[in-house]
Amino acid sequence: ITSFQSLHQNIGLICHNCVKFNGRDSEYSVLTRQFENYVDDSFLDFMQKQRDKMRVAKANKARATSGGVAKK
């Protein structure tokens, strides 16, 4: 695994295989789908935070090069 995208895809595959092996209605599959939803939400949240950090860094760099005051 070399990236968050790769990690996310592998977790999805593990979850898919669990549901396929145990059947859609098994307790394992119900729990797996809940886990997969949690992973999806966490992944999206992480990616949004990373984009926000990059936007702030880019804006600070632009301010710094134009003589403005950079924010932390």
N, C-alpha and C. Protein backbone atom coordinates (compact mmCIF):
# COMPACT_ATOMS: atom_id res chain seq x y z
N ILE A 1 0.86 -1.18 0.00
CA ILE A 1 0.00 0.00 0.00
C ILE A 1 0.90 1.23 0.00
N THR A 2 0.71 2.06 -1.00
CA THR A 2 1.60 3.21 -1.17
C THR A 2 0.88 4.55 -1.10
N SER A 3 -0.44 4.53 -0.90
CA SER A 3 -1.19 5.78 -0.85
C SER A 3 -2.48 5.57 -0.07
N PHE A 4 -3.10 6.68 0.32
CA PHE A 4 -4.39 6.57 1.01
C PHE A 4 -5.45 5.99 0.08
N GLN A 5 -5.36 6.33 -1.20
CA GLN A 5 -6.31 5.78 -2.17
C GLN A 5 -6.16 4.26 -2.24
N SER A 6 -4.94 3.79 -2.26
CA SER A 6 -4.69 2.35 -2.30
C SER A 6 -5.21 1.67 -1.03
N LEU A 7 -4.98 2.30 0.11
CA LEU A 7 -5.49 1.77 1.38
C LEU A 7 -7.01 1.69 1.34
N HIS A 8 -7.64 2.76 0.88
CA HIS A 8 -9.10 2.81 0.81
C HIS A 8 -9.64 1.70 -0.11
N GLN A 9 -9.00 1.50 -1.24
CA GLN A 9 -9.43 0.46 -2.18
C GLN A 9 -9.27 -0.93 -1.57
N ASN A 10 -8.17 -1.15 -0.86
CA ASN A 10 -7.94 -2.46 -0.24
C ASN A 10 -8.96 -2.74 0.87
N ILE A 11 -9.28 -1.73 1.65
CA ILE A 11 -10.30 -1.92 2.69
C ILE A 11 -11.64 -2.25 2.04
N GLY A 12 -11.97 -1.55 0.95
CA GLY A 12 -13.21 -1.85 0.23
C GLY A 12 -13.24 -3.27 -0.29
N LEU A 13 -12.13 -3.75 -0.79
CA LEU A 13 -12.05 -5.13 -1.29
C LEU A 13 -12.21 -6.13 -0.15
N ILE A 14 -11.57 -5.87 0.97
CA ILE A 14 -11.71 -6.76 2.13
C ILE A 14 -13.17 -6.82 2.56
N CYS A 15 -13.82 -5.66 2.63
CA CYS A 15 -15.23 -5.62 3.03
C CYS A 15 -16.11 -6.35 2.02
N HIS A 16 -15.86 -6.13 0.75
CA HIS A 16 -16.63 -6.81 -0.30
C HIS A 16 -16.49 -8.34 -0.17
N ASN A 17 -15.25 -8.78 0.05
CA ASN A 17 -15.02 -10.22 0.18
C ASN A 17 -15.70 -10.79 1.42
N CYS A 18 -15.72 -10.04 2.50
CA CYS A 18 -16.39 -10.49 3.72
C CYS A 18 -17.87 -10.70 3.48
N VAL A 19 -18.50 -9.73 2.82
CA VAL A 19 -19.93 -9.84 2.54
C VAL A 19 -20.19 -10.99 1.58
N LYS A 20 -19.36 -11.12 0.58
CA LYS A 20 -19.54 -12.19 -0.40
C LYS A 20 -19.38 -13.57 0.26
N PHE A 21 -18.39 -13.71 1.11
CA PHE A 21 -18.12 -15.00 1.75
C PHE A 21 -19.18 -15.35 2.80
N ASN A 22 -19.62 -14.36 3.58
CA ASN A 22 -20.52 -14.62 4.70
C ASN A 22 -22.00 -14.47 4.37
N GLY A 23 -22.31 -13.89 3.21
CA GLY A 23 -23.70 -13.64 2.84
C GLY A 23 -24.15 -12.27 3.32
N ARG A 24 -24.99 -11.62 2.52
CA ARG A 24 -25.41 -10.25 2.79
C ARG A 24 -26.06 -10.06 4.15
N ASP A 25 -26.77 -11.05 4.63
CA ASP A 25 -27.56 -10.88 5.85
C ASP A 25 -26.86 -11.37 7.12
N SER A 26 -25.62 -11.81 7.01
CA SER A 26 -24.94 -12.30 8.20
C SER A 26 -24.55 -11.13 9.11
N GLU A 27 -24.34 -11.44 10.38
CA GLU A 27 -23.91 -10.41 11.33
C GLU A 27 -22.57 -9.81 10.93
N TYR A 28 -21.69 -10.63 10.38
CA TYR A 28 -20.39 -10.14 9.93
C TYR A 28 -20.56 -9.10 8.81
N SER A 29 -21.47 -9.39 7.91
CA SER A 29 -21.67 -8.49 6.78
C SER A 29 -22.30 -7.17 7.21
N VAL A 30 -23.23 -7.24 8.14
CA VAL A 30 -23.85 -6.02 8.65
C VAL A 30 -22.78 -5.15 9.31
N LEU A 31 -21.96 -5.75 10.15
CA LEU A 31 -20.89 -5.03 10.82
C LEU A 31 -19.86 -4.50 9.81
N THR A 32 -19.56 -5.30 8.81
CA THR A 32 -18.60 -4.90 7.77
C THR A 32 -19.10 -3.69 7.00
N ARG A 33 -20.38 -3.67 6.66
CA ARG A 33 -20.92 -2.52 5.93
C ARG A 33 -20.88 -1.27 6.80
N GLN A 34 -21.13 -1.41 8.09
CA GLN A 34 -21.02 -0.26 9.00
C GLN A 34 -19.58 0.23 9.05
N PHE A 35 -18.64 -0.71 9.14
CA PHE A 35 -17.22 -0.35 9.15
C PHE A 35 -16.82 0.34 7.86
N GLU A 36 -17.28 -0.19 6.74
CA GLU A 36 -16.93 0.40 5.45
C GLU A 36 -17.48 1.83 5.33
N ASN A 37 -18.70 2.05 5.82
CA ASN A 37 -19.26 3.40 5.82
C ASN A 37 -18.42 4.34 6.68
N TYR A 38 -17.97 3.84 7.84
CA TYR A 38 -17.12 4.64 8.72
C TYR A 38 -15.81 4.99 8.01
N VAL A 39 -15.20 4.00 7.36
CA VAL A 39 -13.95 4.23 6.64
C VAL A 39 -14.16 5.24 5.52
N ASP A 40 -15.24 5.10 4.76
CA ASP A 40 -15.54 6.04 3.67
C ASP A 40 -15.67 7.46 4.21
N ASP A 41 -16.44 7.64 5.28
CA ASP A 41 -16.64 8.96 5.86
C ASP A 41 -15.32 9.53 6.38
N SER A 42 -14.54 8.70 7.05
CA SER A 42 -13.25 9.15 7.59
C SER A 42 -12.29 9.52 6.47
N PHE A 43 -12.27 8.74 5.42
CA PHE A 43 -11.41 9.02 4.28
C PHE A 43 -11.78 10.35 3.63
N LEU A 44 -13.07 10.56 3.41
CA LEU A 44 -13.52 11.81 2.80
C LEU A 44 -13.20 13.01 3.69
N ASP A 45 -13.39 12.85 5.00
CA ASP A 45 -13.07 13.91 5.95
C ASP A 45 -11.58 14.24 5.91
N PHE A 46 -10.75 13.22 5.91
CA PHE A 46 -9.30 13.42 5.85
C PHE A 46 -8.90 14.15 4.58
N MET A 47 -9.44 13.72 3.46
CA MET A 47 -9.09 14.34 2.18
C MET A 47 -9.53 15.81 2.15
N GLN A 48 -10.70 16.12 2.70
CA GLN A 48 -11.16 17.50 2.74
C GLN A 48 -10.23 18.35 3.60
N LYS A 49 -9.81 17.82 4.73
CA LYS A 49 -8.88 18.56 5.60
C LYS A 49 -7.55 18.80 4.89
N GLN A 50 -7.07 17.81 4.14
CA GLN A 50 -5.82 17.97 3.40
C GLN A 50 -5.97 19.07 2.34
N ARG A 51 -7.10 19.07 1.63
CA ARG A 51 -7.33 20.11 0.62
C ARG A 51 -7.38 21.49 1.26
N ASP A 52 -8.04 21.58 2.43
CA ASP A 52 -8.13 22.86 3.13
C ASP A 52 -6.74 23.34 3.55
N LYS A 53 -5.91 22.44 4.05
CA LYS A 53 -4.54 22.80 4.46
C LYS A 53 -3.74 23.29 3.25
N MET A 54 -3.91 22.62 2.13
CA MET A 54 -3.18 23.01 0.92
C MET A 54 -3.62 24.39 0.44
N ARG A 55 -4.94 24.68 0.52
CA ARG A 55 -5.45 25.99 0.12
C ARG A 55 -4.88 27.09 1.00
N VAL A 56 -4.84 26.85 2.32
CA VAL A 56 -4.30 27.84 3.25
C VAL A 56 -2.82 28.07 2.97
N ALA A 57 -2.08 26.98 2.78
CA ALA A 57 -0.64 27.10 2.50
C ALA A 57 -0.40 27.88 1.20
N LYS A 58 -1.20 27.60 0.20
CA LYS A 58 -1.05 28.30 -1.08
C LYS A 58 -1.37 29.79 -0.92
N ALA A 59 -2.43 30.10 -0.17
CA ALA A 59 -2.80 31.50 0.06
C ALA A 59 -1.73 32.21 0.87
N ASN A 60 -1.18 31.55 1.87
CA ASN A 60 -0.11 32.15 2.67
C ASN A 60 1.14 32.41 1.83
N LYS A 61 1.46 31.48 0.96
CA LYS A 61 2.62 31.65 0.09
C LYS A 61 2.40 32.84 -0.85
N ALA A 62 1.19 32.95 -1.39
CA ALA A 62 0.87 34.06 -2.28
C ALA A 62 0.96 35.39 -1.54
N ARG A 63 0.47 35.44 -0.30
CA ARG A 63 0.55 36.67 0.49
C ARG A 63 2.00 37.03 0.80
N ALA A 64 2.77 36.00 1.14
CA ALA A 64 4.18 36.22 1.50
C ALA A 64 4.98 36.76 0.32
N THR A 65 4.70 36.27 -0.86
CA THR A 65 5.45 36.72 -2.04
C THR A 65 4.98 38.07 -2.54
N SER A 66 3.74 38.47 -2.13
CA SER A 66 3.23 39.78 -2.57
C SER A 66 3.40 40.83 -1.50
N GLY A 67 4.05 40.46 -0.38
CA GLY A 67 4.31 41.46 0.67
C GLY A 67 3.22 41.52 1.72
N GLY A 68 2.21 40.67 1.62
CA GLY A 68 1.14 40.64 2.62
C GLY A 68 1.59 39.85 3.84
N VAL A 69 0.75 39.85 4.85
CA VAL A 69 1.04 39.12 6.08
C VAL A 69 0.46 37.72 5.96
N ALA A 70 1.29 36.71 6.21
CA ALA A 70 0.85 35.32 6.11
C ALA A 70 0.18 34.89 7.40
N LYS A 71 -0.82 34.03 7.28
CA LYS A 71 -1.51 33.45 8.45
C LYS A 71 -0.89 32.12 8.76
N LYS A 72 -1.02 31.72 10.00
CA LYS A 72 -0.53 30.39 10.41
C LYS A 72 -1.55 29.34 10.15
